[in-house]
Amino acid sequence: MNDRLKELLDNEHVWPSNYSFKFIVAAERLGEVIEILGEGVVVKESKKGKYVSVTLTKLMDSSEAIIALYTEVAKIEGVISL
């Protein structure tokens, strides 16, 4: 899948380029996601506060950098990448 994602990203972007990441994660795992993503994260709680959506728009240097970030976040239990 990473090869397909890389191809799609490279066809849509000229690097460096801003890229928007969006994840859904259990509220208790929010700190882990923020630790990976860094500053500029926008967080929105679900109605009951059990889950949060995390959005970040960041200047990325390459499709490889985007895939690496997705790979790191995917290690967090229960995270959903959108």
N, C-alpha and C. Protein backbone atom coordinates (compact mmCIF):
# COMPACT_ATOMS: atom_id res chain seq x y z
N MET A 1 0.82 -1.20 0.00
CA MET A 1 0.00 0.00 0.00
C MET A 1 0.86 1.26 0.00
N ASN A 2 2.01 1.21 0.67
CA ASN A 2 2.86 2.40 0.73
C ASN A 2 3.29 2.87 -0.65
N ASP A 3 3.53 1.94 -1.59
CA ASP A 3 3.92 2.34 -2.94
C ASP A 3 2.77 3.07 -3.63
N ARG A 4 1.57 2.59 -3.45
CA ARG A 4 0.40 3.25 -4.05
C ARG A 4 0.19 4.63 -3.44
N LEU A 5 0.28 4.72 -2.12
CA LEU A 5 0.13 6.00 -1.45
C LEU A 5 1.21 6.97 -1.91
N LYS A 6 2.44 6.50 -2.00
CA LYS A 6 3.55 7.35 -2.47
C LYS A 6 3.25 7.88 -3.86
N GLU A 7 2.79 7.01 -4.74
CA GLU A 7 2.46 7.41 -6.11
C GLU A 7 1.36 8.46 -6.12
N LEU A 8 0.30 8.24 -5.34
CA LEU A 8 -0.80 9.21 -5.27
C LEU A 8 -0.33 10.56 -4.74
N LEU A 9 0.46 10.53 -3.68
CA LEU A 9 0.96 11.78 -3.10
C LEU A 9 1.86 12.53 -4.08
N ASP A 10 2.74 11.80 -4.74
CA ASP A 10 3.66 12.44 -5.68
C ASP A 10 2.94 13.01 -6.91
N ASN A 11 1.82 12.40 -7.27
CA ASN A 11 1.03 12.92 -8.40
C ASN A 11 0.23 14.16 -8.02
N GLU A 12 -0.09 14.31 -6.73
CA GLU A 12 -0.94 15.42 -6.28
C GLU A 12 -0.16 16.61 -5.73
N HIS A 13 1.09 16.41 -5.35
CA HIS A 13 1.84 17.46 -4.66
C HIS A 13 3.18 17.72 -5.32
N VAL A 14 3.63 18.96 -5.19
CA VAL A 14 5.00 19.35 -5.55
C VAL A 14 5.68 19.65 -4.22
N TRP A 15 6.75 18.95 -3.94
CA TRP A 15 7.40 19.05 -2.63
C TRP A 15 8.38 20.20 -2.57
N PRO A 16 8.47 20.87 -1.43
CA PRO A 16 7.67 20.72 -0.20
C PRO A 16 6.24 21.23 -0.41
N SER A 17 5.33 20.67 0.38
CA SER A 17 3.92 21.01 0.24
C SER A 17 3.22 20.84 1.58
N ASN A 18 2.19 21.66 1.80
CA ASN A 18 1.37 21.47 3.00
C ASN A 18 0.53 20.22 2.84
N TYR A 19 0.41 19.46 3.92
CA TYR A 19 -0.38 18.23 3.92
C TYR A 19 -1.19 18.19 5.20
N SER A 20 -2.45 17.81 5.09
CA SER A 20 -3.33 17.72 6.26
C SER A 20 -3.46 16.28 6.70
N PHE A 21 -3.13 16.05 7.96
CA PHE A 21 -3.28 14.75 8.60
C PHE A 21 -4.53 14.79 9.47
N LYS A 22 -5.25 13.68 9.53
CA LYS A 22 -6.39 13.61 10.42
C LYS A 22 -6.48 12.19 10.99
N PHE A 23 -6.64 12.14 12.31
CA PHE A 23 -6.72 10.86 13.01
C PHE A 23 -7.85 10.91 14.02
N ILE A 24 -8.38 9.74 14.34
CA ILE A 24 -9.31 9.59 15.46
C ILE A 24 -8.66 8.61 16.42
N VAL A 25 -8.69 8.95 17.70
CA VAL A 25 -8.03 8.12 18.70
C VAL A 25 -8.79 8.24 20.02
N ALA A 26 -8.67 7.23 20.85
CA ALA A 26 -9.25 7.29 22.19
C ALA A 26 -8.62 8.44 22.95
N ALA A 27 -9.42 9.15 23.71
CA ALA A 27 -8.96 10.35 24.42
C ALA A 27 -7.72 10.09 25.27
N GLU A 28 -7.63 8.91 25.88
CA GLU A 28 -6.49 8.63 26.75
C GLU A 28 -5.18 8.43 25.96
N ARG A 29 -5.27 8.29 24.65
CA ARG A 29 -4.08 8.13 23.80
C ARG A 29 -3.68 9.43 23.10
N LEU A 30 -4.38 10.50 23.37
CA LEU A 30 -4.12 11.78 22.71
C LEU A 30 -2.68 12.22 22.86
N GLY A 31 -2.13 12.11 24.04
CA GLY A 31 -0.75 12.53 24.29
C GLY A 31 0.25 11.83 23.38
N GLU A 32 0.02 10.56 23.10
CA GLU A 32 0.92 9.80 22.23
C GLU A 32 0.90 10.36 20.81
N VAL A 33 -0.30 10.72 20.34
CA VAL A 33 -0.43 11.27 18.98
C VAL A 33 0.24 12.63 18.91
N ILE A 34 0.00 13.47 19.91
CA ILE A 34 0.60 14.81 19.92
C ILE A 34 2.12 14.73 19.99
N GLU A 35 2.63 13.76 20.74
CA GLU A 35 4.08 13.59 20.84
C GLU A 35 4.70 13.32 19.47
N ILE A 36 4.02 12.57 18.63
CA ILE A 36 4.53 12.26 17.29
C ILE A 36 4.34 13.43 16.34
N LEU A 37 3.16 14.06 16.39
CA LEU A 37 2.84 15.11 15.43
C LEU A 37 3.48 16.45 15.75
N GLY A 38 3.68 16.75 17.02
CA GLY A 38 4.29 18.01 17.39
C GLY A 38 3.29 19.14 17.51
N GLU A 39 3.77 20.36 17.35
CA GLU A 39 2.96 21.56 17.55
C GLU A 39 1.98 21.79 16.41
N GLY A 40 0.92 22.54 16.72
CA GLY A 40 -0.05 22.93 15.70
C GLY A 40 -1.23 22.00 15.57
N VAL A 41 -1.34 21.04 16.46
CA VAL A 41 -2.42 20.06 16.41
C VAL A 41 -3.73 20.70 16.84
N VAL A 42 -4.80 20.42 16.10
CA VAL A 42 -6.15 20.85 16.46
C VAL A 42 -6.91 19.62 16.94
N VAL A 43 -7.48 19.72 18.14
CA VAL A 43 -8.15 18.58 18.75
C VAL A 43 -9.63 18.91 18.94
N LYS A 44 -10.48 17.94 18.61
CA LYS A 44 -11.91 18.09 18.82
C LYS A 44 -12.43 16.83 19.49
N GLU A 45 -13.10 17.01 20.64
CA GLU A 45 -13.63 15.87 21.38
C GLU A 45 -14.93 15.37 20.79
N SER A 46 -15.16 14.06 20.94
CA SER A 46 -16.45 13.50 20.55
C SER A 46 -17.50 13.94 21.56
N LYS A 47 -18.73 13.69 21.25
CA LYS A 47 -19.85 14.13 22.08
C LYS A 47 -19.70 13.68 23.54
N LYS A 48 -19.32 12.44 23.73
CA LYS A 48 -19.17 11.90 25.10
C LYS A 48 -17.75 12.02 25.63
N GLY A 49 -16.83 12.53 24.82
CA GLY A 49 -15.46 12.74 25.26
C GLY A 49 -14.59 11.51 25.29
N LYS A 50 -15.09 10.39 24.77
CA LYS A 50 -14.32 9.15 24.78
C LYS A 50 -13.24 9.15 23.68
N TYR A 51 -13.54 9.80 22.57
CA TYR A 51 -12.63 9.87 21.44
C TYR A 51 -12.34 11.32 21.08
N VAL A 52 -11.24 11.52 20.36
CA VAL A 52 -10.89 12.84 19.86
C VAL A 52 -10.46 12.71 18.40
N SER A 53 -10.75 13.76 17.64
CA SER A 53 -10.18 13.85 16.30
C SER A 53 -9.00 14.79 16.40
N VAL A 54 -7.96 14.45 15.70
CA VAL A 54 -6.72 15.21 15.72
C VAL A 54 -6.41 15.61 14.28
N THR A 55 -6.24 16.89 14.05
CA THR A 55 -5.94 17.39 12.72
C THR A 55 -4.67 18.23 12.78
N LEU A 56 -3.84 18.08 11.78
CA LEU A 56 -2.62 18.86 11.67
C LEU A 56 -2.31 19.13 10.20
N THR A 57 -2.11 20.37 9.86
CA THR A 57 -1.61 20.72 8.53
C THR A 57 -0.16 21.14 8.72
N LYS A 58 0.70 20.47 7.98
CA LYS A 58 2.14 20.64 8.18
C LYS A 58 2.86 20.68 6.84
N LEU A 59 3.89 21.50 6.74
CA LEU A 59 4.72 21.55 5.54
C LEU A 59 5.59 20.29 5.53
N MET A 60 5.40 19.47 4.51
CA MET A 60 6.13 18.21 4.41
C MET A 60 7.09 18.27 3.23
N ASP A 61 8.24 17.63 3.37
CA ASP A 61 9.28 17.66 2.35
C ASP A 61 9.10 16.62 1.25
N SER A 62 8.38 15.52 1.56
CA SER A 62 8.27 14.44 0.58
C SER A 62 7.15 13.49 0.95
N SER A 63 6.78 12.66 -0.03
CA SER A 63 5.79 11.62 0.24
C SER A 63 6.34 10.61 1.26
N GLU A 64 7.63 10.37 1.22
CA GLU A 64 8.25 9.45 2.18
C GLU A 64 8.08 9.94 3.61
N ALA A 65 8.21 11.25 3.81
CA ALA A 65 8.05 11.83 5.15
C ALA A 65 6.61 11.65 5.65
N ILE A 66 5.65 11.80 4.75
CA ILE A 66 4.24 11.61 5.12
C ILE A 66 3.99 10.16 5.50
N ILE A 67 4.47 9.24 4.70
CA ILE A 67 4.28 7.82 4.98
C ILE A 67 4.96 7.43 6.29
N ALA A 68 6.13 7.99 6.56
CA ALA A 68 6.83 7.70 7.82
C ALA A 68 6.03 8.18 9.01
N LEU A 69 5.41 9.36 8.89
CA LEU A 69 4.60 9.88 9.99
C LEU A 69 3.36 9.00 10.21
N TYR A 70 2.69 8.62 9.12
CA TYR A 70 1.54 7.72 9.24
C TYR A 70 1.95 6.40 9.89
N THR A 71 3.11 5.88 9.52
CA THR A 71 3.60 4.62 10.08
C THR A 71 3.82 4.73 11.58
N GLU A 72 4.40 5.85 12.03
CA GLU A 72 4.63 6.06 13.46
C GLU A 72 3.30 6.15 14.23
N VAL A 73 2.37 6.94 13.70
CA VAL A 73 1.08 7.10 14.39
C VAL A 73 0.32 5.77 14.41
N ALA A 74 0.44 4.98 13.36
CA ALA A 74 -0.26 3.70 13.28
C ALA A 74 0.15 2.71 14.38
N LYS A 75 1.30 2.94 14.99
CA LYS A 75 1.75 2.08 16.09
C LYS A 75 0.93 2.28 17.36
N ILE A 76 0.18 3.37 17.43
CA ILE A 76 -0.65 3.65 18.60
C ILE A 76 -1.90 2.79 18.52
N GLU A 77 -2.15 2.06 19.57
CA GLU A 77 -3.29 1.15 19.61
C GLU A 77 -4.61 1.88 19.40
N GLY A 78 -5.40 1.40 18.45
CA GLY A 78 -6.75 1.92 18.23
C GLY A 78 -6.85 3.19 17.40
N VAL A 79 -5.74 3.70 16.90
CA VAL A 79 -5.79 4.94 16.11
C VAL A 79 -6.39 4.65 14.74
N ILE A 80 -7.19 5.58 14.24
CA ILE A 80 -7.78 5.49 12.92
C ILE A 80 -7.25 6.65 12.10
N SER A 81 -6.64 6.35 10.96
CA SER A 81 -6.14 7.38 10.06
C SER A 81 -7.21 7.69 9.02
N LEU A 82 -7.47 8.97 8.83
CA LEU A 82 -8.48 9.37 7.83
C LEU A 82 -7.79 10.02 6.65
